[in-house]
Protein backbone atom coordinates (compact mmCIF):
# COMPACT_ATOMS: atom_id res chain seq x y z
CA UNK A 1 76.85 82.65 122.54
CA UNK A 2 76.27 86.32 123.32
CA UNK A 3 78.72 88.96 122.12
CA UNK A 4 78.57 92.19 124.06
CA UNK A 5 79.32 95.51 122.41
CA UNK A 6 81.62 96.55 125.26
CA UNK A 7 83.71 93.39 124.69
CA UNK A 8 83.96 94.12 120.97
CA UNK A 9 85.09 97.69 121.68
CA UNK A 10 87.64 96.45 124.25
CA UNK A 11 89.00 93.96 121.72
CA UNK A 12 89.14 96.72 119.09
CA UNK A 13 91.12 99.01 121.40
CA UNK A 14 93.67 96.26 122.09
CA UNK A 15 93.93 95.07 118.46
CA UNK A 16 96.63 95.70 115.86
CA UNK A 17 95.65 97.25 112.49
CA UNK A 18 94.79 93.98 110.72
CA UNK A 19 92.65 92.85 113.66
CA UNK A 20 90.92 96.24 113.73
CA UNK A 21 90.14 95.90 110.02
CA UNK A 22 88.65 92.46 110.67
CA UNK A 23 86.53 93.72 113.59
CA UNK A 24 85.27 96.69 111.53
CA UNK A 25 84.21 94.31 108.74
CA UNK A 26 82.53 91.88 111.18
CA UNK A 27 80.66 94.62 113.06
CA UNK A 28 80.07 97.49 110.57
CA UNK A 29 77.09 98.85 112.53
CA UNK A 30 79.30 99.69 115.54
CA UNK A 31 81.38 102.24 113.55
CA UNK A 32 84.52 101.10 115.31
CA UNK A 33 87.34 103.61 115.14
CA UNK A 34 85.51 105.91 112.75
CA UNK A 35 85.46 108.73 115.27
CA UNK A 36 89.17 108.41 115.90
CA UNK A 37 91.34 110.35 113.44
CA UNK A 38 94.24 108.31 112.14
CA UNK A 39 97.14 110.75 112.04
CA UNK A 40 99.77 108.22 111.03
CA UNK A 41 101.59 108.82 107.73
CA UNK A 42 99.80 107.35 104.72
CA UNK A 43 102.64 104.84 104.27
CA UNK A 44 101.83 103.40 107.68
CA UNK A 45 98.08 103.34 107.08
CA UNK A 46 98.10 101.73 103.63
CA UNK A 47 100.00 98.46 103.53
CA UNK A 48 97.50 96.35 101.54
CA UNK A 49 94.90 96.67 98.81
CA UNK A 50 92.25 96.24 101.53
CA UNK A 51 93.72 99.20 103.46
CA UNK A 52 93.50 101.35 100.32
CA UNK A 53 89.88 100.31 99.77
CA UNK A 54 88.99 101.07 103.40
CA UNK A 55 90.63 104.51 103.12
CA UNK A 56 88.49 105.34 100.09
CA UNK A 57 85.31 103.78 101.51
CA UNK A 58 85.30 100.96 98.95
CA UNK A 59 84.17 97.45 99.88
CA UNK A 60 87.24 95.36 99.01
CA UNK A 61 85.22 92.12 98.73
CA UNK A 62 82.76 93.67 96.25
CA UNK A 63 85.68 95.22 94.39
CA UNK A 64 87.39 91.81 94.07
CA UNK A 65 84.18 90.33 92.62
CA UNK A 66 84.36 92.88 89.76
CA UNK A 67 87.70 91.40 88.66
CA UNK A 68 86.43 87.90 87.95
CA UNK A 69 87.38 86.81 84.45
CA UNK A 70 90.01 89.54 84.01
CA UNK A 71 93.64 88.82 83.11
CA UNK A 72 96.19 89.28 85.96
CA UNK A 73 97.55 92.50 84.42
CA UNK A 74 94.03 93.99 84.23
CA UNK A 75 93.33 93.12 87.87
CA UNK A 76 96.69 94.53 88.93
CA UNK A 77 96.03 97.79 87.07
CA UNK A 78 92.61 98.23 88.68
CA UNK A 79 94.04 97.55 92.14
CA UNK A 80 97.01 99.86 91.57
CA UNK A 81 94.64 102.68 90.52
CA UNK A 82 92.86 102.37 93.89
CA UNK A 83 96.13 102.11 95.81
CA UNK A 84 97.62 105.17 94.08
CA UNK A 85 94.46 107.18 94.71
CA UNK A 86 94.54 106.26 98.41
CA UNK A 87 98.27 106.98 98.75
CA UNK A 88 97.82 110.38 97.08
CA UNK A 89 95.18 111.24 99.70
CA UNK A 90 93.41 114.39 98.44
CA UNK A 91 95.93 115.14 95.66
CA UNK A 92 94.94 114.56 92.05
CA UNK A 93 97.16 115.36 89.07
CA UNK A 94 96.22 118.42 87.03
CA UNK A 95 98.46 117.54 84.05
CA UNK A 96 99.79 121.06 83.73
CA UNK A 97 103.13 121.89 82.13
CA UNK A 98 104.87 122.67 85.43
CA UNK A 99 103.38 119.82 87.52
CA UNK A 100 105.71 117.05 88.68
CA UNK A 101 104.23 113.56 88.95
CA UNK A 102 106.03 110.39 90.03
CA UNK A 103 105.67 106.66 89.44
CA UNK A 104 107.56 103.59 90.62
CA UNK A 105 110.54 102.54 88.57
CA UNK A 106 111.37 98.84 88.30
CA UNK A 107 114.26 96.84 86.89
CA UNK A 108 114.66 93.31 85.66
CA UNK A 109 117.99 91.79 86.67
CA UNK A 110 119.83 88.89 85.08
CA UNK A 111 121.65 86.12 86.97
CA UNK A 112 125.02 87.88 86.81
CA UNK A 113 123.68 91.14 88.23
CA UNK A 114 121.90 89.26 91.01
CA UNK A 115 125.11 87.41 91.89
CA UNK A 116 126.85 90.79 92.38
CA UNK A 117 124.18 91.99 94.88
CA UNK A 118 124.43 91.43 98.59
CA UNK A 119 121.40 90.44 100.65
CA UNK A 120 120.98 94.00 101.96
CA UNK A 121 120.72 95.42 98.43
CA UNK A 122 118.19 92.74 97.44
CA UNK A 123 116.10 93.51 100.54
CA UNK A 124 116.32 97.28 100.02
CA UNK A 125 114.98 96.97 96.49
CA UNK A 126 112.29 94.49 97.58
CA UNK A 127 113.79 92.06 95.14
CA UNK A 128 111.53 89.20 94.00
CA UNK A 129 112.03 86.20 91.79
CA UNK A 130 110.35 86.19 88.39
CA UNK A 131 110.01 82.41 88.31
CA UNK A 132 106.23 82.59 87.85
CA UNK A 133 106.50 85.07 84.96
CA UNK A 134 107.51 84.55 81.33
CA UNK A 135 110.89 86.23 81.15
CA UNK A 136 114.52 85.41 80.54
CA UNK A 137 115.48 87.55 83.51
CA UNK A 138 115.92 86.27 87.01
CA UNK A 139 114.58 89.08 89.21
CA UNK A 140 112.29 92.09 89.49
CA UNK A 141 112.91 95.00 91.87
CA UNK A 142 111.80 98.52 92.67
CA UNK A 143 114.84 100.74 92.38
CA UNK A 144 113.59 104.28 92.77
CA UNK A 145 111.18 106.58 91.02
CA UNK A 146 110.96 108.89 88.05
CA UNK A 147 108.70 111.58 86.61
CA UNK A 148 105.54 110.40 84.86
CA UNK A 149 104.67 110.55 82.03
CA UNK A 150 107.97 111.66 80.53
CA UNK A 151 107.92 111.61 76.78
CA UNK A 152 107.21 108.79 74.40
CA UNK A 153 109.01 106.20 76.52
CA UNK A 154 106.91 106.61 79.68
CA UNK A 155 106.10 102.99 80.62
CA UNK A 156 103.31 103.59 83.14
CA UNK A 157 99.89 105.17 82.71
CA UNK A 158 99.30 108.55 84.27
CA UNK A 159 96.51 107.19 86.47
CA UNK A 160 99.22 105.42 88.46
CA UNK A 161 101.20 108.57 89.20
CA UNK A 162 101.92 109.74 92.73
CA UNK A 163 102.49 113.12 94.30
CA UNK A 164 106.05 112.50 95.51
CA UNK A 165 109.12 110.44 94.80
CA UNK A 166 108.93 108.94 98.31
CA UNK A 167 105.36 107.71 97.72
CA UNK A 168 106.32 106.31 94.30
CA UNK A 169 109.22 104.39 95.80
CA UNK A 170 107.04 103.15 98.68
CA UNK A 171 104.26 102.05 96.29
CA UNK A 172 106.73 100.29 94.03
CA UNK A 173 108.26 98.35 96.90
CA UNK A 174 105.20 97.69 99.07
CA UNK A 175 103.05 96.53 96.16
CA UNK A 176 105.80 94.95 94.04
CA UNK A 177 103.80 91.79 93.32
CA UNK A 178 100.94 93.84 91.86
CA UNK A 179 103.44 95.82 89.78
CA UNK A 180 104.95 92.54 88.57
CA UNK A 181 101.48 91.28 87.58
CA UNK A 182 100.87 94.57 85.76
CA UNK A 183 104.20 94.69 83.92
CA UNK A 184 105.11 91.01 83.39
CA UNK A 185 103.28 88.04 81.86
CA UNK A 186 102.52 85.04 84.08
CA UNK A 187 103.44 81.56 82.85
């Protein structure tokens, strides 16, 4: 079967983002879409770990191979570092006295608290069950963001900080399963 370049480009132009990613990985020599600037907000461009890798020019498959043998929290941390770097675009923290840095803030909820929530509140917080994690609590959710690091009680490493509260909230909700792997212990 012969695949013509013009057909690949036509398919690329009609594809959604995940299909475009697949076509770029199948035909890297064609530099599909690399001449087209992507002016969408970063929160629309980075929805997956693979999107973050592509943004930074990292081969996601090769990156995944590096994680073999690591514990789930170690893998999650490495992936979250890449995701945070991609979401921050060109911004890097300077760790000066007056600099504000943000990180996702998560809560564990017990059965009673969950019973008091309506479905809209659970969806807004990107609520997830903690059934696969060792915990007495019933749920894990992203509830907002806070400065990082903020004193002795800062629960997240500074490499996972973001440049705005909106990005921290987005990262906490969009990548909640990675955050759960990083913060909780699997059964």
